Amino acid sequence: MTHASEQPRVHETAVYTHGHHESVLRSHTWRTAANSAAYLLGEVCPGLDVLDVGCGPGTITADLAALVAPGRVTAVDAAEDVLTKARATAAERGLENVEFAVADVHALDFPDDSFDIVHAHQVLQHVGDPVQALREMRRVCRPGGIVAARDSDYGAFAWYPERPALDAWLDLYHRVARANGGEPDAGRRLFAWARQAGFTEITTTAGTWCFATPDERAWWSGLWADRTTSSSYADLAVEGGHASRAELAGIEAAWREWGTREDAWFMVPHGEILCRVS
């Protein structure tokens, strides 16, 4: 195999639907290795070198860095601005075994066989070519190592009580995300994508987030209400002709009303893959 710099560059880009509005980062900074990468933790031990792809504000990154020390974590993201927050997260926790860089997962600037674990959480649903992304993740992973990915599956989201405006929200999100080049129902596709990328030893599982307590409902409904009218997603929905500002305001109101219901419940299912590199 050759170094990445010797290969033709492939930049299959997609627009990141969510952007980095405060309402988005409110969600991303809640994520931990325990609640978002539990399927991987059995493979994590001190001394490993990890690549965290699409690290966002770095909360999962920091957890992984603490677990693998004195091994190192390299965390990359396509957006420089969010890496500032990730660096601050690592500094606040006193972690000295993490480094950060801007990177395109379709064409990673690392030599072959550089890492023991290559991890991506909620990334493949947003990229232009998830199979190429997995090929690159495989290329930079050492033989015997693990490529791990976890993505939600919007088409399998479930909630109670039902609200027509939330059905409209889900339909709108699908249309906006796909117009941006992503695949919001990525969770169910991870296994197929991994096979297409050339993996033969794949363990596939599923995991969920569930929001049902008063605090959880308020948090989840509030961040989606804010995201619906104030984030990059809202701008893309309007600019792409998918919804009007008035329609977005109606969905926002439905989210806020849903969050006040004492019997409200929401489930976010995820597909998960652990791919052993041969």
Protein backbone atom coordinates (compact mmCIF):
# COMPACT_ATOMS: atom_id res chain seq x y z
CA MET A 1 0.00 0.00 0.00
CA THR A 2 1.06 3.59 -0.49
CA HIS A 3 1.05 6.73 1.59
CA ALA A 4 -2.12 8.79 1.21
CA SER A 5 -0.20 11.62 -0.44
CA GLU A 6 0.75 9.28 -3.31
CA GLN A 7 -2.87 8.45 -4.09
CA PRO A 8 -5.25 10.56 -6.19
CA ARG A 9 -7.23 12.86 -3.94
CA VAL A 10 -10.96 12.16 -3.73
CA HIS A 11 -13.04 14.97 -2.26
CA GLU A 12 -16.61 13.72 -2.28
CA THR A 13 -18.04 16.60 -0.32
CA ALA A 14 -21.38 17.11 1.32
CA VAL A 15 -22.75 20.07 3.23
CA TYR A 16 -22.85 19.46 6.98
CA THR A 17 -26.57 19.88 7.58
CA HIS A 18 -26.43 20.86 11.25
CA GLY A 19 -23.60 23.39 11.30
CA HIS A 20 -22.16 24.43 14.66
CA HIS A 21 -24.87 26.62 16.15
CA GLU A 22 -25.07 26.58 19.94
CA SER A 23 -28.12 24.29 19.77
CA VAL A 24 -26.04 21.74 17.84
CA LEU A 25 -23.05 21.93 20.18
CA ARG A 26 -25.45 21.59 23.13
CA SER A 27 -26.18 18.12 21.79
CA HIS A 28 -22.63 17.23 20.77
CA THR A 29 -21.03 18.18 24.09
CA TRP A 30 -23.47 15.87 25.90
CA ARG A 31 -21.90 12.88 24.17
CA THR A 32 -19.47 10.67 26.06
CA ALA A 33 -17.68 7.43 25.32
CA ALA A 34 -20.14 5.74 27.71
CA ASN A 35 -23.34 6.99 26.07
CA SER A 36 -22.10 7.10 22.48
CA ALA A 37 -19.29 4.56 22.04
CA ALA A 38 -20.06 1.77 24.51
CA TYR A 39 -19.94 -0.78 21.67
CA LEU A 40 -16.25 0.11 21.15
CA LEU A 41 -15.01 0.26 24.72
CA GLY A 42 -14.18 -3.44 24.96
CA GLU A 43 -11.47 -2.83 22.35
CA VAL A 44 -9.98 0.19 24.12
CA CYS A 45 -7.00 -0.19 26.46
CA PRO A 46 -3.91 1.80 27.53
CA GLY A 47 -1.16 2.22 24.97
CA LEU A 48 -3.27 2.25 21.80
CA ASP A 49 -3.08 4.93 19.12
CA VAL A 50 -6.52 6.19 18.10
CA LEU A 51 -7.81 8.35 15.26
CA ASP A 52 -11.11 10.06 16.10
CA VAL A 53 -12.74 11.18 12.84
CA GLY A 54 -15.26 14.03 12.97
CA CYS A 55 -14.45 14.75 16.60
CA GLY A 56 -16.65 17.84 16.92
CA PRO A 57 -16.23 19.55 20.31
CA GLY A 58 -14.13 16.64 21.54
CA THR A 59 -16.01 15.15 24.48
CA ILE A 60 -15.81 11.57 23.18
CA THR A 61 -12.23 12.26 22.09
CA ALA A 62 -11.26 13.28 25.61
CA ASP A 63 -12.81 10.15 27.10
CA LEU A 64 -10.90 7.96 24.65
CA ALA A 65 -7.66 9.81 25.35
CA ALA A 66 -8.02 9.17 29.08
CA LEU A 67 -8.63 5.47 28.44
CA VAL A 68 -5.68 4.87 26.08
CA ALA A 69 -3.01 6.95 27.85
CA PRO A 70 -0.03 6.72 27.48
CA GLY A 71 -1.24 5.96 23.95
CA ARG A 72 -2.25 8.91 21.81
CA VAL A 73 -5.42 10.17 20.18
CA THR A 74 -5.38 12.16 16.96
CA ALA A 75 -8.69 13.97 16.52
CA VAL A 76 -9.74 15.43 13.18
CA ASP A 77 -12.69 17.38 11.89
CA ALA A 78 -13.56 19.11 8.64
CA ALA A 79 -14.29 22.40 10.48
CA GLU A 80 -11.48 24.39 12.08
CA ASP A 81 -13.83 26.40 14.31
CA VAL A 82 -15.10 23.39 16.22
CA LEU A 83 -11.53 22.16 16.81
CA THR A 84 -11.00 25.22 18.99
CA LYS A 85 -13.67 23.87 21.31
CA ALA A 86 -12.19 20.37 21.15
CA ARG A 87 -8.75 21.71 22.14
CA ALA A 88 -10.35 23.54 25.06
CA THR A 89 -12.10 20.34 26.19
CA ALA A 90 -8.79 18.44 26.22
CA ALA A 91 -7.04 21.29 28.06
CA GLU A 92 -9.77 21.50 30.69
CA ARG A 93 -9.29 17.80 31.43
CA GLY A 94 -5.51 18.10 31.57
CA LEU A 95 -4.98 15.71 28.67
CA GLU A 96 -1.60 15.89 27.00
CA ASN A 97 -1.93 12.87 24.69
CA VAL A 98 -4.31 14.45 22.14
CA GLU A 99 -3.56 16.37 18.97
CA PHE A 100 -6.00 17.97 16.55
CA ALA A 101 -6.07 18.66 12.82
CA VAL A 102 -8.41 19.59 10.00
CA ALA A 103 -8.97 16.60 7.70
CA ASP A 104 -11.16 15.21 4.94
CA VAL A 105 -12.17 11.64 5.77
CA HIS A 106 -12.29 10.81 2.07
CA ALA A 107 -8.52 11.46 1.81
CA LEU A 108 -6.77 11.32 5.17
CA ASP A 109 -3.30 12.82 5.47
CA PHE A 110 -1.81 9.89 7.38
CA PRO A 111 0.40 7.01 6.26
CA ASP A 112 -0.96 3.50 5.95
CA ASP A 113 -1.20 1.47 9.18
CA SER A 114 -0.93 4.49 11.51
CA PHE A 115 -3.53 3.69 14.18
CA ASP A 116 -4.83 0.81 16.27
CA ILE A 117 -8.40 2.15 16.33
CA VAL A 118 -10.10 4.47 13.85
CA HIS A 119 -13.41 5.77 15.19
CA ALA A 120 -16.22 7.87 13.73
CA HIS A 121 -19.37 8.85 15.59
CA GLN A 122 -22.29 10.36 13.61
CA VAL A 123 -19.99 11.08 10.66
CA LEU A 124 -20.83 8.74 7.79
CA GLN A 125 -24.39 10.07 7.53
CA HIS A 126 -22.97 13.48 6.58
CA VAL A 127 -20.24 12.64 4.05
CA GLY A 128 -20.50 12.51 0.28
CA ASP A 129 -19.09 8.99 -0.10
CA PRO A 130 -19.32 6.87 3.05
CA VAL A 131 -17.77 3.81 1.37
CA GLN A 132 -14.70 5.80 0.34
CA ALA A 133 -14.55 7.21 3.88
CA LEU A 134 -14.51 3.68 5.31
CA ARG A 135 -11.81 2.65 2.82
CA GLU A 136 -9.64 5.51 4.04
CA MET A 137 -10.33 4.64 7.67
CA ARG A 138 -9.31 1.08 6.87
CA ARG A 139 -6.14 2.20 5.07
CA VAL A 140 -4.81 4.12 8.06
CA CYS A 141 -5.68 1.35 10.54
CA ARG A 142 -3.04 -1.25 11.40
CA PRO A 143 -3.59 -4.94 10.66
CA GLY A 144 -5.47 -6.44 13.59
CA GLY A 145 -6.90 -3.04 14.49
CA ILE A 146 -10.48 -1.84 14.56
CA VAL A 147 -12.46 0.57 12.42
CA ALA A 148 -15.54 1.60 14.39
CA ALA A 149 -18.53 3.66 13.29
CA ARG A 150 -21.85 4.55 14.84
CA ASP A 151 -24.63 6.48 13.12
CA SER A 152 -28.19 7.26 13.98
CA ASP A 153 -31.05 6.24 11.73
CA TYR A 154 -33.64 8.99 11.38
CA GLY A 155 -36.15 6.78 9.61
CA ALA A 156 -36.33 4.58 12.72
CA PHE A 157 -36.79 7.40 15.25
CA ALA A 158 -39.83 6.81 17.45
CA TRP A 159 -41.70 9.11 19.80
CA TYR A 160 -44.88 9.52 21.79
CA PRO A 161 -47.25 11.28 21.80
CA GLU A 162 -47.52 11.59 18.04
CA ARG A 163 -47.66 15.06 16.52
CA PRO A 164 -48.31 15.78 12.82
CA ALA A 165 -45.80 18.64 13.00
CA LEU A 166 -43.09 16.25 14.20
CA ASP A 167 -43.90 13.93 11.30
CA ALA A 168 -43.41 16.99 9.10
CA TRP A 169 -40.11 17.71 10.87
CA LEU A 170 -38.81 14.22 10.12
CA ASP A 171 -39.85 14.41 6.47
CA LEU A 172 -38.24 17.85 6.18
CA TYR A 173 -35.00 16.69 7.78
CA HIS A 174 -34.75 13.78 5.35
CA ARG A 175 -35.22 16.11 2.38
CA VAL A 176 -32.73 18.72 3.60
CA ALA A 177 -30.04 16.20 4.56
CA ARG A 178 -30.27 14.32 1.27
CA ALA A 179 -30.23 17.54 -0.73
CA ASN A 180 -26.98 18.33 1.08
CA GLY A 181 -25.44 15.03 -0.03
CA GLY A 182 -25.93 13.07 3.19
CA GLU A 183 -27.89 9.95 4.17
CA PRO A 184 -29.91 10.43 7.36
CA ASP A 185 -30.87 6.73 7.54
CA ALA A 186 -27.20 5.75 7.76
CA GLY A 187 -27.53 3.43 10.74
CA ARG A 188 -29.18 0.63 8.76
CA ARG A 189 -26.62 1.01 5.96
CA LEU A 190 -23.36 0.76 7.94
CA PHE A 191 -23.01 -2.99 7.52
CA ALA A 192 -23.56 -2.78 3.75
CA TRP A 193 -21.16 0.16 3.43
CA ALA A 194 -18.48 -1.72 5.39
CA ARG A 195 -18.82 -4.73 3.10
CA GLN A 196 -18.54 -2.49 0.05
CA ALA A 197 -15.41 -0.94 1.56
CA GLY A 198 -13.75 -4.37 1.64
CA PHE A 199 -14.16 -5.41 5.27
CA THR A 200 -14.83 -9.09 5.83
CA GLU A 201 -14.78 -9.37 9.64
CA ILE A 202 -17.60 -7.12 10.81
CA THR A 203 -19.49 -7.13 14.10
CA THR A 204 -22.70 -5.15 13.79
CA THR A 205 -24.88 -4.07 16.70
CA ALA A 206 -27.47 -1.45 17.53
CA GLY A 207 -27.71 1.03 20.37
CA THR A 208 -30.19 3.69 21.44
CA TRP A 209 -30.54 7.00 23.15
CA CYS A 210 -33.79 7.41 25.03
CA PHE A 211 -35.15 10.70 26.37
CA ALA A 212 -38.00 10.30 28.85
CA THR A 213 -37.32 12.10 32.13
CA PRO A 214 -38.53 15.70 32.51
CA ASP A 215 -34.98 17.04 32.17
CA GLU A 216 -34.22 14.82 29.17
CA ARG A 217 -37.44 15.78 27.39
CA ALA A 218 -36.83 19.49 28.01
CA TRP A 219 -33.25 19.23 26.77
CA TRP A 220 -34.00 17.21 23.63
CA SER A 221 -37.09 19.15 22.60
CA GLY A 222 -35.43 22.47 23.36
CA LEU A 223 -32.34 21.85 21.28
CA TRP A 224 -34.40 20.67 18.31
CA ALA A 225 -36.77 23.62 18.65
CA ASP A 226 -33.82 26.00 18.57
CA ARG A 227 -32.10 24.09 15.76
CA THR A 228 -35.27 24.20 13.65
CA THR A 229 -35.35 28.00 13.49
CA SER A 230 -31.84 29.25 14.34
CA SER A 231 -29.17 26.88 12.99
CA SER A 232 -27.56 26.28 9.61
CA TYR A 233 -30.15 23.54 9.13
CA ALA A 234 -32.91 26.18 9.22
CA ASP A 235 -31.11 28.33 6.66
CA LEU A 236 -30.53 25.36 4.36
CA ALA A 237 -34.18 24.32 4.65
CA VAL A 238 -35.37 27.77 3.57
CA GLU A 239 -32.68 28.49 0.98
CA GLY A 240 -33.22 25.07 -0.60
CA GLY A 241 -36.95 25.67 -0.94
CA HIS A 242 -37.84 22.85 1.43
CA ALA A 243 -39.75 24.94 3.99
CA SER A 244 -40.78 28.49 4.77
CA ARG A 245 -39.85 30.36 7.93
CA ALA A 246 -43.49 30.08 8.99
CA GLU A 247 -43.42 26.30 8.58
CA LEU A 248 -40.24 26.10 10.63
CA ALA A 249 -41.86 28.21 13.36
CA GLY A 250 -44.75 25.75 13.47
CA ILE A 251 -42.37 22.83 13.90
CA GLU A 252 -40.48 24.71 16.61
CA ALA A 253 -43.72 25.27 18.51
CA ALA A 254 -44.62 21.59 18.21
CA TRP A 255 -41.25 20.59 19.67
CA ARG A 256 -41.74 22.91 22.63
CA GLU A 257 -45.27 21.68 23.26
CA TRP A 258 -44.19 18.03 22.99
CA GLY A 259 -41.44 18.63 25.54
CA THR A 260 -43.98 19.73 28.18
CA ARG A 261 -45.91 16.46 28.05
CA GLU A 262 -45.39 14.31 31.15
CA ASP A 263 -45.80 11.13 29.10
CA ALA A 264 -43.47 12.17 26.28
CA TRP A 265 -40.83 9.65 25.17
CA PHE A 266 -38.29 9.72 22.34
CA MET A 267 -35.93 7.03 21.03
CA VAL A 268 -32.94 7.53 18.73
CA PRO A 269 -31.66 4.19 17.35
CA HIS A 270 -28.13 3.75 15.99
CA GLY A 271 -26.36 1.24 13.83
CA GLU A 272 -22.87 0.26 15.02
CA ILE A 273 -20.01 -1.55 13.30
CA LEU A 274 -16.69 -2.91 14.56
CA CYS A 275 -14.55 -3.90 11.56
CA ARG A 276 -11.38 -5.91 12.17
CA VAL A 277 -8.63 -4.98 9.72
CA SER A 278 -6.85 -7.96 8.18
